[in-house]
C-alpha atoms as a PDB file:
ATOM      1  CA  PRO A   1     -74.157   4.379  89.481  1.00  0.00           C
ATOM      2  CA  LYS A   2     -71.149   3.029  87.584  1.00  0.00           C
ATOM      3  CA  THR A   3     -69.009   6.087  88.152  1.00  0.00           C
ATOM      4  CA  MET A   4     -68.268   7.927  91.384  1.00  0.00           C
ATOM      5  CA  ALA A   5     -66.259  11.054  92.120  1.00  0.00           C
ATOM      6  CA  PHE A   6     -64.525  11.906  95.424  1.00  0.00           C
ATOM      7  CA  ALA A   7     -63.179  15.325  94.645  1.00  0.00           C
ATOM      8  CA  SER A   8     -63.776  16.543  98.183  1.00  0.00           C
ATOM      9  CA  CYS A   9     -62.661  13.369  99.996  1.00  0.00           C
ATOM     10  CA  PRO A  10     -59.971  14.307 102.527  1.00  0.00           C
ATOM     11  CA  LEU A  11     -58.400  10.845 102.219  1.00  0.00           C
ATOM     12  CA  ALA A  12     -57.669  11.164  98.466  1.00  0.00           C
ATOM     13  CA  PRO A  13     -55.385  13.600  96.670  1.00  0.00           C
ATOM     14  CA  ALA A  14     -57.296  16.768  95.803  1.00  0.00           C
ATOM     15  CA  ALA A  15     -56.390  16.617  92.101  1.00  0.00           C
ATOM     16  CA  LYS A  16     -57.238  12.933  91.553  1.00  0.00           C
ATOM     17  CA  LEU A  17     -60.729  11.958  90.480  1.00  0.00           C
ATOM     18  CA  TRP A  18     -62.010   8.415  90.399  1.00  0.00           C
ATOM     19  CA  THR A  19     -64.000   8.122  87.212  1.00  0.00           C
ATOM     20  CA  GLU A  20     -63.217   4.489  86.403  1.00  0.00           C
ATOM     21  CA  PRO A  21     -66.254   2.214  86.125  1.00  0.00           C
ATOM     22  CA  VAL A  22     -66.545  -0.465  88.802  1.00  0.00           C
ATOM     23  CA  LYS A  23     -65.526  -3.813  87.357  1.00  0.00           C
ATOM     24  CA  GLY A  24     -66.382  -7.229  88.708  1.00  0.00           C
ATOM     25  CA  LYS A  25     -68.243  -8.118  91.869  1.00  0.00           C
ATOM     26  CA  PRO A  26     -67.642  -6.082  95.068  1.00  0.00           C
ATOM     27  CA  ARG A  27     -65.575  -7.731  97.773  1.00  0.00           C
ATOM     28  CA  VAL A  28     -67.655  -9.084 100.647  1.00  0.00           C
ATOM     29  CA  TRP A  29     -66.349  -9.441 104.238  1.00  0.00           C
ATOM     30  CA  SER A  30     -66.092 -13.142 105.068  1.00  0.00           C
ATOM     31  CA  GLY A  31     -65.157 -12.811 108.765  1.00  0.00           C
ATOM     32  CA  LEU A  32     -67.372 -12.660 111.861  1.00  0.00           C
ATOM     33  CA  LEU A  33     -69.793  -9.791 112.238  1.00  0.00           C
ATOM     34  CA  PRO A  34     -70.055  -7.956 115.585  1.00  0.00           C
ATOM     35  CA  ARG A  35     -73.324  -9.729 116.283  1.00  0.00           C
ATOM     36  CA  ASP A  36     -71.669 -13.114 115.884  1.00  0.00           C
ATOM     37  CA  ALA A  37     -70.223 -14.606 119.105  1.00  0.00           C
ATOM     38  CA  PRO A  38     -66.615 -15.787 118.768  1.00  0.00           C
ATOM     39  CA  PRO A  39     -65.851 -19.290 119.995  1.00  0.00           C
ATOM     40  CA  LEU A  40     -64.959 -19.508 123.698  1.00  0.00           C
ATOM     41  CA  ALA A  41     -61.320 -20.093 124.449  1.00  0.00           C
ATOM     42  CA  SER A  42     -60.408 -22.768 126.950  1.00  0.00           C
ATOM     43  CA  ILE A  43     -59.447 -21.352 130.373  1.00  0.00           C
ATOM     44  CA  GLU A  44     -56.958 -23.085 132.582  1.00  0.00           C
ATOM     45  CA  SER A  45     -57.558 -22.816 136.345  1.00  0.00           C
ATOM     46  CA  LEU A  46     -54.760 -23.112 138.861  1.00  0.00           C
ATOM     47  CA  ASP A  47     -55.048 -23.659 142.601  1.00  0.00           C
ATOM     48  CA  ASP A  48     -53.084 -20.723 144.048  1.00  0.00           C
ATOM     49  CA  GLY A  49     -54.384 -20.742 147.601  1.00  0.00           C
ATOM     50  CA  GLN A  50     -51.122 -21.904 149.186  1.00  0.00           C
ATOM     51  CA  ALA A  51     -48.343 -19.403 149.839  1.00  0.00           C
ATOM     52  CA  PRO A  52     -44.881 -20.141 151.256  1.00  0.00           C
ATOM     53  CA  PRO A  53     -44.841 -20.535 155.040  1.00  0.00           C
ATOM     54  CA  PHE A  54     -44.591 -17.317 157.018  1.00  0.00           C
ATOM     55  CA  ALA A  55     -41.076 -16.527 158.203  1.00  0.00           C
ATOM     56  CA  VAL A  56     -41.454 -15.779 161.898  1.00  0.00           C
ATOM     57  CA  PRO A  57     -39.687 -12.460 162.679  1.00  0.00           C
ATOM     58  CA  ASP A  58     -37.338 -11.884 165.592  1.00  0.00           C
ATOM     59  CA  GLY A  59     -39.800  -9.417 167.117  1.00  0.00           C
ATOM     60  CA  THR A  60     -43.566  -9.385 166.708  1.00  0.00           C
ATOM     61  CA  ALA A  61     -45.483  -9.878 163.496  1.00  0.00           C
ATOM     62  CA  PRO A  62     -46.587  -6.562 161.939  1.00  0.00           C
ATOM     63  CA  GLY A  63     -50.298  -6.041 162.376  1.00  0.00           C
ATOM     64  CA  GLY A  64     -50.772  -7.686 165.752  1.00  0.00           C
ATOM     65  CA  VAL A  65     -54.112  -9.307 166.413  1.00  0.00           C
ATOM     66  CA  SER A  66     -55.490  -7.765 163.192  1.00  0.00           C
ATOM     67  CA  ILE A  67     -53.671 -10.563 161.361  1.00  0.00           C
ATOM     68  CA  LEU A  68     -56.014 -13.116 162.938  1.00  0.00           C
ATOM     69  CA  ARG A  69     -59.063 -11.005 162.166  1.00  0.00           C
ATOM     70  CA  SER A  70     -58.130 -10.859 158.475  1.00  0.00           C
ATOM     71  CA  GLN A  71     -57.108 -14.530 158.360  1.00  0.00           C
ATOM     72  CA  SER A  72     -60.460 -15.518 159.837  1.00  0.00           C
ATOM     73  CA  GLN A  73     -62.534 -13.321 157.551  1.00  0.00           C
ATOM     74  CA  CYS A  74     -60.576 -14.232 154.398  1.00  0.00           C
ATOM     75  CA  PRO A  75     -57.157 -15.963 154.298  1.00  0.00           C
ATOM     76  CA  PHE A  76     -56.138 -14.122 151.121  1.00  0.00           C
ATOM     77  CA  GLN A  77     -56.897 -10.794 152.765  1.00  0.00           C
ATOM     78  CA  ALA A  78     -54.414 -11.563 155.544  1.00  0.00           C
ATOM     79  CA  PHE A  79     -51.781 -12.766 153.067  1.00  0.00           C
ATOM     80  CA  ALA A  80     -52.088  -9.722 150.787  1.00  0.00           C
ATOM     81  CA  THR A  81     -52.282  -7.181 153.620  1.00  0.00           C
ATOM     82  CA  TYR A  82     -49.631  -8.442 156.021  1.00  0.00           C
ATOM     83  CA  ARG A  83     -47.245 -10.283 153.712  1.00  0.00           C
ATOM     84  CA  LEU A  84     -47.553  -8.480 150.368  1.00  0.00           C
ATOM     85  CA  ALA A  85     -48.217  -5.083 152.038  1.00  0.00           C
ATOM     86  CA  ALA A  86     -51.019  -4.476 149.530  1.00  0.00           C
ATOM     87  CA  LYS A  87     -53.005  -1.322 150.178  1.00  0.00           C
ATOM     88  CA  ARG A  88     -54.578   1.589 148.393  1.00  0.00           C
ATOM     89  CA  PRO A  89     -54.221   5.320 149.104  1.00  0.00           C
ATOM     90  CA  GLU A  90     -56.528   6.491 151.853  1.00  0.00           C
ATOM     91  CA  ASP A  91     -59.476   8.707 151.029  1.00  0.00           C
ATOM     92  CA  ALA A  92     -59.159  12.358 151.978  1.00  0.00           C
ATOM     93  CA  CYS A  93     -61.223  13.512 154.931  1.00  0.00           C
ATOM     94  CA  PHE A  94     -62.202  16.942 156.173  1.00  0.00           C
ATOM     95  CA  GLY A  95     -61.993  17.238 159.933  1.00  0.00           C
ATOM     96  CA  PHE A  96     -61.611  13.993 161.888  1.00  0.00           C
ATOM     97  CA  ASP A  97     -61.912  10.538 160.382  1.00  0.00           C
ATOM     98  CA  ALA A  98     -63.087   7.377 162.179  1.00  0.00           C
ATOM     99  CA  ARG A  99     -59.544   6.555 163.292  1.00  0.00           C
ATOM    100  CA  ASP A 100     -59.111   9.984 164.899  1.00  0.00           C
ATOM    101  CA  ARG A 101     -62.445   9.763 166.704  1.00  0.00           C
ATOM    102  CA  GLY A 102     -61.636   6.265 167.961  1.00  0.00           C
ATOM    103  CA  SER A 103     -58.287   7.456 169.293  1.00  0.00           C
ATOM    104  CA  PHE A 104     -59.933  10.391 171.086  1.00  0.00           C
ATOM    105  CA  LEU A 105     -62.472   8.046 172.685  1.00  0.00           C
ATOM    106  CA  HIS A 106     -59.821   5.609 173.953  1.00  0.00           C
ATOM    107  CA  ARG A 107     -57.654   8.366 175.426  1.00  0.00           C
ATOM    108  CA  ALA A 108     -60.570  10.058 177.152  1.00  0.00           C
ATOM    109  CA  LEU A 109     -61.901   6.812 178.651  1.00  0.00           C
ATOM    110  CA  GLU A 110     -58.407   5.942 179.840  1.00  0.00           C
ATOM    111  CA  GLN A 111     -58.161   9.196 181.780  1.00  0.00           C
ATOM    112  CA  VAL A 112     -61.673   8.820 183.206  1.00  0.00           C
ATOM    113  CA  TRP A 113     -61.060   5.316 184.570  1.00  0.00           C
ATOM    114  CA  LEU A 114     -57.671   6.261 185.949  1.00  0.00           C
ATOM    115  CA  GLN A 115     -59.648   8.567 188.262  1.00  0.00           C
ATOM    116  CA  LEU A 116     -62.725   6.425 188.986  1.00  0.00           C
ATOM    117  CA  ARG A 117     -61.202   2.931 189.171  1.00  0.00           C
ATOM    118  CA  THR A 118     -64.129   1.086 190.852  1.00  0.00           C
ATOM    119  CA  ARG A 119     -67.892   0.680 190.531  1.00  0.00           C
ATOM    120  CA  GLU A 120     -68.323   2.042 194.067  1.00  0.00           C
ATOM    121  CA  GLN A 121     -66.298   5.165 193.229  1.00  0.00           C
ATOM    122  CA  LEU A 122     -68.380   5.632 190.082  1.00  0.00           C
ATOM    123  CA  ARG A 123     -71.625   5.392 192.048  1.00  0.00           C
ATOM    124  CA  SER A 124     -70.433   7.789 194.730  1.00  0.00           C
ATOM    125  CA  THR A 125     -69.436  10.484 192.220  1.00  0.00           C
ATOM    126  CA  SER A 126     -72.109  13.140 191.805  1.00  0.00           C
ATOM    127  CA  PRO A 127     -73.390  14.111 188.327  1.00  0.00           C
ATOM    128  CA  ALA A 128     -71.636  17.472 188.585  1.00  0.00           C
ATOM    129  CA  GLU A 129     -68.328  15.820 189.522  1.00  0.00           C
ATOM    130  CA  ARG A 130     -68.671  13.344 186.677  1.00  0.00           C
ATOM    131  CA  ARG A 131     -69.254  16.132 184.199  1.00  0.00           C
ATOM    132  CA  VAL A 132     -66.133  17.999 185.328  1.00  0.00           C
ATOM    133  CA  LEU A 133     -64.073  14.806 185.220  1.00  0.00           C
ATOM    134  CA  VAL A 134     -65.279  13.859 181.735  1.00  0.00           C
ATOM    135  CA  ASN A 135     -64.933  17.400 180.416  1.00  0.00           C
ATOM    136  CA  ASP A 136     -61.279  17.552 181.491  1.00  0.00           C
ATOM    137  CA  ALA A 137     -60.530  14.100 180.054  1.00  0.00           C
ATOM    138  CA  VAL A 138     -62.138  14.939 176.709  1.00  0.00           C
ATOM    139  CA  ALA A 139     -60.364  18.307 176.501  1.00  0.00           C
ATOM    140  CA  ASN A 140     -56.998  16.597 177.050  1.00  0.00           C
ATOM    141  CA  ALA A 141     -57.803  13.827 174.570  1.00  0.00           C
ATOM    142  CA  VAL A 142     -58.983  16.024 171.694  1.00  0.00           C
ATOM    143  CA  GLY A 143     -56.850  19.068 172.410  1.00  0.00           C
ATOM    144  CA  GLN A 144     -57.300  22.522 170.976  1.00  0.00           C
ATOM    145  CA  GLN A 145     -57.550  22.870 167.202  1.00  0.00           C
ATOM    146  CA  ASP A 146     -55.953  26.257 166.505  1.00  0.00           C
ATOM    147  CA  ASP A 147     -54.878  26.014 162.869  1.00  0.00           C
ATOM    148  CA  SER A 148     -58.134  27.225 161.286  1.00  0.00           C
ATOM    149  CA  PRO A 149     -61.698  28.243 162.198  1.00  0.00           C
ATOM    150  CA  PHE A 150     -62.954  25.056 160.560  1.00  0.00           C
ATOM    151  CA  HIS A 151     -60.794  22.805 162.745  1.00  0.00           C
ATOM    152  CA  GLN A 152     -61.690  24.812 165.831  1.00  0.00           C
ATOM    153  CA  LEU A 153     -65.383  24.180 165.169  1.00  0.00           C
ATOM    154  CA  ALA A 154     -64.725  20.508 164.375  1.00  0.00           C
ATOM    155  CA  GLY A 155     -62.760  20.129 167.610  1.00  0.00           C
ATOM    156  CA  GLN A 156     -65.509  21.767 169.657  1.00  0.00           C
ATOM    157  CA  ALA A 157     -68.165  19.521 168.085  1.00  0.00           C
ATOM    158  CA  GLU A 158     -66.048  16.432 168.777  1.00  0.00           C
ATOM    159  CA  ARG A 159     -65.523  17.408 172.414  1.00  0.00           C
ATOM    160  CA  GLU A 160     -69.261  17.896 172.919  1.00  0.00           C
ATOM    161  CA  ARG A 161     -70.040  14.581 171.233  1.00  0.00           C
ATOM    162  CA  LEU A 162     -67.507  12.665 173.313  1.00  0.00           C
ATOM    163  CA  GLU A 163     -68.584  14.247 176.586  1.00  0.00           C
ATOM    164  CA  ALA A 164     -72.223  13.264 176.062  1.00  0.00           C
ATOM    165  CA  LEU A 165     -71.248   9.745 174.934  1.00  0.00           C
ATOM    166  CA  ILE A 166     -68.940   9.026 177.882  1.00  0.00           C
ATOM    167  CA  LEU A 167     -71.418  10.356 180.438  1.00  0.00           C
ATOM    168  CA  GLU A 168     -74.053   8.079 178.942  1.00  0.00           C
ATOM    169  CA  TRP A 169     -71.648   5.128 179.101  1.00  0.00           C
ATOM    170  CA  LEU A 170     -70.795   5.777 182.755  1.00  0.00           C
ATOM    171  CA  ALA A 171     -74.498   5.712 183.598  1.00  0.00           C
ATOM    172  CA  PHE A 172     -74.694   2.388 181.727  1.00  0.00           C
ATOM    173  CA  GLU A 173     -71.763   0.852 183.629  1.00  0.00           C
ATOM    174  CA  GLU A 174     -73.108   2.122 186.935  1.00  0.00           C
ATOM    175  CA  ARG A 175     -75.812  -0.545 186.625  1.00  0.00           C
ATOM    176  CA  ARG A 176     -73.385  -3.474 186.387  1.00  0.00           C
ATOM    177  CA  GLU A 177     -74.458  -6.251 188.735  1.00  0.00           C
ATOM    178  CA  GLN A 178     -71.047  -7.200 190.158  1.00  0.00           C
ATOM    179  CA  PRO A 179     -68.471  -4.947 191.828  1.00  0.00           C
ATOM    180  CA  PHE A 180     -65.345  -4.405 189.756  1.00  0.00           C
ATOM    181  CA  THR A 181     -62.021  -2.638 189.828  1.00  0.00           C
ATOM    182  CA  VAL A 182     -60.434  -1.376 186.620  1.00  0.00           C
ATOM    183  CA  GLU A 183     -57.012  -3.020 186.838  1.00  0.00           C
ATOM    184  CA  GLN A 184     -55.445  -2.421 183.413  1.00  0.00           C
ATOM    185  CA  ILE A 185     -56.138   0.243 180.785  1.00  0.00           C
ATOM    186  CA  GLU A 186     -54.653   0.254 177.289  1.00  0.00           C
ATOM    187  CA  LYS A 187     -51.955  -2.206 178.356  1.00  0.00           C
ATOM    188  CA  SER A 188     -49.602  -3.606 175.707  1.00  0.00           C
ATOM    189  CA  GLN A 189     -48.139  -7.083 175.976  1.00  0.00           C
ATOM    190  CA  MET A 190     -46.388  -9.713 173.859  1.00  0.00           C
ATOM    191  CA  PHE A 191     -48.002 -13.082 173.247  1.00  0.00           C
ATOM    192  CA  ALA A 192     -47.013 -16.033 171.044  1.00  0.00           C
ATOM    193  CA  LEU A 193     -50.120 -17.766 169.712  1.00  0.00           C
ATOM    194  CA  ALA A 194     -49.352 -21.154 168.139  1.00  0.00           C
ATOM    195  CA  GLY A 195     -45.841 -19.813 167.451  1.00  0.00           C
ATOM    196  CA  LEU A 196     -47.016 -16.506 165.941  1.00  0.00           C
ATOM    197  CA  PRO A 197     -45.567 -13.606 168.009  1.00  0.00           C
ATOM    198  CA  LEU A 198     -48.178 -10.893 168.450  1.00  0.00           C
ATOM    199  CA  SER A 199     -48.248  -7.480 170.065  1.00  0.00           C
ATOM    200  CA  LEU A 200     -51.567  -7.059 171.897  1.00  0.00           C
ATOM    201  CA  ARG A 201     -53.168  -3.966 173.348  1.00  0.00           C
ATOM    202  CA  LEU A 202     -56.059  -4.611 175.709  1.00  0.00           C
ATOM    203  CA  ASP A 203     -58.473  -1.690 176.022  1.00  0.00           C
ATOM    204  CA  ARG A 204     -59.501  -2.589 179.554  1.00  0.00           C
ATOM    205  CA  VAL A 205     -59.261  -5.383 182.140  1.00  0.00           C
ATOM    206  CA  ASP A 206     -61.554  -5.405 185.179  1.00  0.00           C
ATOM    207  CA  ARG A 207     -60.895  -7.430 188.328  1.00  0.00           C
ATOM    208  CA  LEU A 208     -63.893  -8.913 190.162  1.00  0.00           C
ATOM    209  CA  THR A 209     -64.116  -9.575 193.888  1.00  0.00           C
ATOM    210  CA  ASN A 210     -63.640 -13.324 193.272  1.00  0.00           C
ATOM    211  CA  GLY A 211     -60.284 -12.616 191.579  1.00  0.00           C
ATOM    212  CA  SER A 212     -61.344 -13.384 187.993  1.00  0.00           C
ATOM    213  CA  LEU A 213     -61.112 -10.948 185.086  1.00  0.00           C
ATOM    214  CA  VAL A 214     -63.558  -9.283 182.691  1.00  0.00           C
ATOM    215  CA  LEU A 215     -62.108  -8.176 179.339  1.00  0.00           C
ATOM    216  CA  ILE A 216     -63.616  -5.157 177.562  1.00  0.00           C
ATOM    217  CA  ASP A 217     -62.865  -3.947 174.038  1.00  0.00           C
ATOM    218  CA  TYR A 218     -64.330  -0.577 172.974  1.00  0.00           C
ATOM    219  CA  LYS A 219     -66.073  -0.455 169.589  1.00  0.00           C
ATOM    220  CA  SER A 220     -67.474   2.594 167.798  1.00  0.00           C
ATOM    221  CA  GLY A 221     -69.447   0.388 165.400  1.00  0.00           C
ATOM    222  CA  GLU A 222     -72.076  -2.272 166.037  1.00  0.00           C
ATOM    223  CA  PRO A 223     -70.344  -5.629 166.637  1.00  0.00           C
ATOM    224  CA  LYS A 224     -72.440  -8.790 166.551  1.00  0.00           C
ATOM    225  CA  LEU A 225     -72.541 -11.541 169.137  1.00  0.00           C
ATOM    226  CA  LYS A 226     -72.063 -14.136 166.393  1.00  0.00           C
ATOM    227  CA  SER A 227     -68.669 -12.585 165.573  1.00  0.00           C
ATOM    228  CA  LEU A 228     -67.343 -14.534 168.601  1.00  0.00           C
ATOM    229  CA  ASP A 229     -68.856 -17.843 167.509  1.00  0.00           C
ATOM    230  CA  GLY A 230     -67.694 -20.773 165.422  1.00  0.00           C
ATOM    231  CA  ASP A 231     -64.336 -22.088 164.258  1.00  0.00           C
ATOM    232  CA  ARG A 232     -63.664 -18.849 162.325  1.00  0.00           C
ATOM    233  CA  PRO A 233     -64.872 -16.005 164.573  1.00  0.00           C
ATOM    234  CA  SER A 234     -64.891 -12.838 162.494  1.00  0.00           C
ATOM    235  CA  GLU A 235     -63.806 -10.663 165.463  1.00  0.00           C
ATOM    236  CA  PRO A 236     -61.341 -12.877 167.377  1.00  0.00           C
ATOM    237  CA  GLN A 237     -59.425 -10.229 169.333  1.00  0.00           C
ATOM    238  CA  LEU A 238     -61.309 -10.729 172.612  1.00  0.00           C
ATOM    239  CA  LEU A 239     -60.738 -14.480 172.353  1.00  0.00           C
ATOM    240  CA  VAL A 240     -57.014 -13.910 171.791  1.00  0.00           C
ATOM    241  CA  TYR A 241     -56.901 -11.661 174.852  1.00  0.00           C
ATOM    242  CA  ALA A 242     -58.643 -14.349 176.905  1.00  0.00           C
ATOM    243  CA  ALA A 243     -55.971 -16.848 175.847  1.00  0.00           C
ATOM    244  CA  ALA A 244     -53.169 -14.362 176.562  1.00  0.00           C
ATOM    245  CA  VAL A 245     -53.968 -13.174 180.098  1.00  0.00           C
ATOM    246  CA  ASN A 246     -53.156 -16.561 181.655  1.00  0.00           C
ATOM    247  CA  GLU A 247     -55.675 -16.009 184.455  1.00  0.00           C
ATOM    248  CA  ALA A 248     -59.264 -16.996 185.134  1.00  0.00           C
ATOM    249  CA  VAL A 249     -61.552 -14.981 182.839  1.00  0.00           C
ATOM    250  CA  ASP A 250     -65.190 -14.460 183.800  1.00  0.00           C
ATOM    251  CA  GLY A 251     -66.363 -12.533 180.732  1.00  0.00           C
ATOM    252  CA  THR A 252     -65.396 -11.075 177.354  1.00  0.00           C
ATOM    253  CA  PHE A 253     -67.368  -8.076 176.077  1.00  0.00           C
ATOM    254  CA  PHE A 254     -67.385  -5.582 173.244  1.00  0.00           C
ATOM    255  CA  ALA A 255     -68.450  -2.176 174.562  1.00  0.00           C
ATOM    256  CA  GLN A 256     -70.597  -0.696 171.800  1.00  0.00           C
ATOM    257  CA  MET A 257     -70.004   3.051 172.042  1.00  0.00           C
ATOM    258  CA  LYS A 258     -72.799   4.484 169.945  1.00  0.00           C
ATOM    259  CA  PRO A 259     -75.063   7.244 171.249  1.00  0.00           C
ATOM    260  CA  ARG A 260     -78.451   5.907 172.374  1.00  0.00           C
ATOM    261  CA  LYS A 261     -77.342   2.387 171.388  1.00  0.00           C
ATOM    262  CA  LEU A 262     -74.980   1.569 174.243  1.00  0.00           C
ATOM    263  CA  ARG A 263     -74.671  -2.113 175.054  1.00  0.00           C
ATOM    264  CA  ALA A 264     -72.202  -4.793 176.092  1.00  0.00           C
ATOM    265  CA  ILE A 265     -71.925  -7.657 173.611  1.00  0.00           C
ATOM    266  CA  GLY A 266     -70.265 -10.925 174.524  1.00  0.00           C
ATOM    267  CA  TYR A 267     -70.237 -14.027 176.711  1.00  0.00           C
ATOM    268  CA  SER A 268     -69.564 -14.560 180.387  1.00  0.00           C
ATOM    269  CA  ARG A 269     -69.680 -17.188 183.096  1.00  0.00           C
ATOM    270  CA  THR A 270     -72.004 -15.114 185.313  1.00  0.00           C
ATOM    271  CA  ARG A 271     -74.240 -12.140 184.658  1.00  0.00           C
ATOM    272  CA  HIS A 272     -72.657  -8.678 184.638  1.00  0.00           C
ATOM    273  CA  PHE A 273     -75.150  -6.462 182.825  1.00  0.00           C
ATOM    274  CA  PRO A 274     -78.931  -6.263 183.353  1.00  0.00           C
ATOM    275  CA  SER A 275     -80.498  -8.678 180.883  1.00  0.00           C
ATOM    276  CA  LYS A 276     -83.584  -6.523 180.185  1.00  0.00           C
ATOM    277  CA  GLN A 277     -81.416  -3.648 179.008  1.00  0.00           C
ATOM    278  CA  ASN A 278     -78.738  -5.724 177.276  1.00  0.00           C
ATOM    279  CA  MET A 279     -79.918  -8.788 175.396  1.00  0.00           C
ATOM    280  CA  GLN A 280     -76.554  -9.411 173.709  1.00  0.00           C
ATOM    281  CA  ALA A 281     -74.652 -10.099 176.921  1.00  0.00           C
ATOM    282  CA  LYS A 282     -75.076 -13.875 177.147  1.00  0.00           C
ATOM    283  CA  ILE A 283     -74.196 -16.395 179.833  1.00  0.00           C
ATOM    284  CA  ALA A 284     -72.381 -19.352 178.256  1.00  0.00           C
ATOM    285  CA  GLU A 285     -73.994 -22.681 179.114  1.00  0.00           C
ATOM    286  CA  ASP A 286     -70.570 -24.263 179.644  1.00  0.00           C
ATOM    287  CA  TRP A 287     -68.050 -21.494 180.240  1.00  0.00           C
ATOM    288  CA  SER A 288     -64.999 -23.768 180.381  1.00  0.00           C
ATOM    289  CA  ALA A 289     -65.972 -25.386 177.086  1.00  0.00           C
ATOM    290  CA  PHE A 290     -66.487 -21.940 175.513  1.00  0.00           C
ATOM    291  CA  ILE A 291     -63.014 -20.753 176.554  1.00  0.00           C
ATOM    292  CA  ASP A 292     -61.379 -24.009 175.420  1.00  0.00           C
ATOM    293  CA  HIS A 293     -63.086 -23.857 172.028  1.00  0.00           C
ATOM    294  CA  ALA A 294     -62.245 -20.163 171.614  1.00  0.00           C
ATOM    295  CA  THR A 295     -58.574 -20.810 172.376  1.00  0.00           C
ATOM    296  CA  ALA A 296     -58.447 -23.738 169.959  1.00  0.00           C
ATOM    297  CA  SER A 297     -60.106 -21.623 167.235  1.00  0.00           C
ATOM    298  CA  VAL A 298     -57.666 -18.707 167.427  1.00  0.00           C
ATOM    299  CA  GLU A 299     -54.698 -21.085 167.614  1.00  0.00           C
ATOM    300  CA  SER A 300     -55.940 -22.818 164.456  1.00  0.00           C
ATOM    301  CA  ILE A 301     -56.286 -19.466 162.669  1.00  0.00           C
ATOM    302  CA  ALA A 302     -52.743 -18.474 163.685  1.00  0.00           C
ATOM    303  CA  ALA A 303     -51.416 -21.840 162.496  1.00  0.00           C
ATOM    304  CA  GLU A 304     -53.110 -21.309 159.112  1.00  0.00           C
ATOM    305  CA  PHE A 305     -51.382 -17.955 158.687  1.00  0.00           C
ATOM    306  CA  LEU A 306     -48.008 -19.441 159.626  1.00  0.00           C
ATOM    307  CA  ALA A 307     -48.491 -22.290 157.134  1.00  0.00           C
ATOM    308  CA  GLY A 308     -49.228 -19.854 154.281  1.00  0.00           C
ATOM    309  CA  HIS A 309     -52.908 -20.720 153.845  1.00  0.00           C
ATOM    310  CA  ALA A 310     -54.021 -17.895 151.520  1.00  0.00           C
ATOM    311  CA  ILE A 311     -57.084 -19.108 149.639  1.00  0.00           C
ATOM    312  CA  VAL A 312     -59.712 -16.585 148.523  1.00  0.00           C
ATOM    313  CA  ASP A 313     -62.504 -17.691 150.839  1.00  0.00           C
ATOM    314  CA  PRO A 314     -64.316 -14.680 152.343  1.00  0.00           C
ATOM    315  CA  GLN A 315     -66.941 -14.997 155.024  1.00  0.00           C
ATOM    316  CA  LYS A 316     -70.282 -13.350 154.370  1.00  0.00           C
ATOM    317  CA  GLY A 317     -69.792  -9.588 154.541  1.00  0.00           C
ATOM    318  CA  ALA A 318     -65.992  -9.747 154.540  1.00  0.00           C
ATOM    319  CA  CYS A 319     -65.788  -8.098 151.108  1.00  0.00           C
ATOM    320  CA  THR A 320     -67.895  -5.080 152.089  1.00  0.00           C
ATOM    321  CA  TRP A 321     -65.000  -2.892 153.281  1.00  0.00           C
ATOM    322  CA  CYS A 322     -62.138  -4.814 151.652  1.00  0.00           C
ATOM    323  CA  ASN A 323     -59.985  -2.899 149.157  1.00  0.00           C
ATOM    324  CA  LEU A 324     -58.314  -5.979 147.668  1.00  0.00           C
ATOM    325  CA  LYS A 325     -61.025  -7.170 145.263  1.00  0.00           C
ATOM    326  CA  PRO A 326     -59.106  -6.011 142.138  1.00  0.00           C
ATOM    327  CA  LEU A 327     -56.192  -8.151 143.366  1.00  0.00           C
ATOM    328  CA  CYS A 328     -58.018 -11.291 144.486  1.00  0.00           C
ATOM    329  CA  ARG A 329     -60.706 -11.058 141.737  1.00  0.00           C
ATOM    330  CA  VAL A 330     -63.226 -12.752 143.980  1.00  0.00           C
ATOM    331  CA  ASN A 331     -66.103 -11.860 141.646  1.00  0.00           C
ATOM    332  CA  GLU A 332     -64.437 -13.467 138.635  1.00  0.00           C
ATOM    333  CA  GLY A 333     -63.908 -16.603 140.675  1.00  0.00           C
ATOM    334  CA  LYS A 334     -67.604 -16.740 141.460  1.00  0.00           C
ATOM    335  CA  GLY A 335     -68.641 -15.914 137.918  1.00  0.00           C
ATOM    336  CA  GLU A 336     -70.258 -12.708 139.137  1.00  0.00           C
ATOM    337  CA  SER A 337     -69.833  -9.038 138.366  1.00  0.00           C
ATOM    338  CA  ASP A 338     -69.314  -6.283 140.893  1.00  0.00           C
ATOM    339  CA  GLU A 339     -72.931  -5.263 140.453  1.00  0.00           C
ATOM    340  CA  ASP A 340     -74.130  -8.761 141.313  1.00  0.00           C
ATOM    341  CA  ASP A 341     -71.909  -9.199 144.369  1.00  0.00           C
ATOM    342  CA  ALA A 342     -74.314  -9.822 147.192  1.00  0.00           C
ATOM    343  CA  ASP A 343     -71.756  -8.730 149.753  1.00  0.00           C
END
């Protein structure tokens, strides 16, 4: 039609009617339509993987041996976490979180081994005596939760879980092939690795009859043997401890503390755990070469952190629990989306 009226149009004055005939040709949009792709802009890439060198503090570096773990898994993760102090708010948790449960486990095991001390003492303790010993240690570690019925129930469940787990672990250690004495438990010490001052806390150090040491680090998860391998071991803390003790080391083991999945994972010069029950406790073909390579690897990782090496270069799986992906934009660097991230 040549005439149109918009008497009810809310955008026009109510009293004004458009009754003029349309003159000339209608104006046609000459720009791009939504279905048309705009031309790609040129993107400039900069190499930003080098930060200023780390200023060595008067005391120890904040983070301790966790710095080396992050630096090994992804240099940028270590830089952002321990130099930029980048972090996100923690998720809320009802009851006890993984950190609480890990702390309870360490405290309870510390009290148990302060009483038992040796393999012979462990073997000579009756099941009833063990249960009383473990029950007291767990009760002291967890404590009484009196603030609410919910926390009382959570505390009781945690005490029962820990008691069963520790009793199962003692039965596992009772089968160790060499006599040992628990010499150090939860001991803190200072150690400068390649000039990086670190505060270390060794879960446990056992002394063998030949005078050498076995280092044990408790883990609530499922560590892998390959995490101790290569030039960038993803879990280097045991290797750092081996370099720090300044004594002959006969073995380094993660103690996997998971119900019905108890095992020792690591390398040693001689056998300590029955091979049929523990396939991840390996004898190194050349123990001296293993220790030398491990020491060189952790020193190289510490030197990288000191030099400011901060490239985004995650190992496989390092991004799974990392909270820094919005900062490092690792997926954009790979040309992938979050949904396509294999890690």
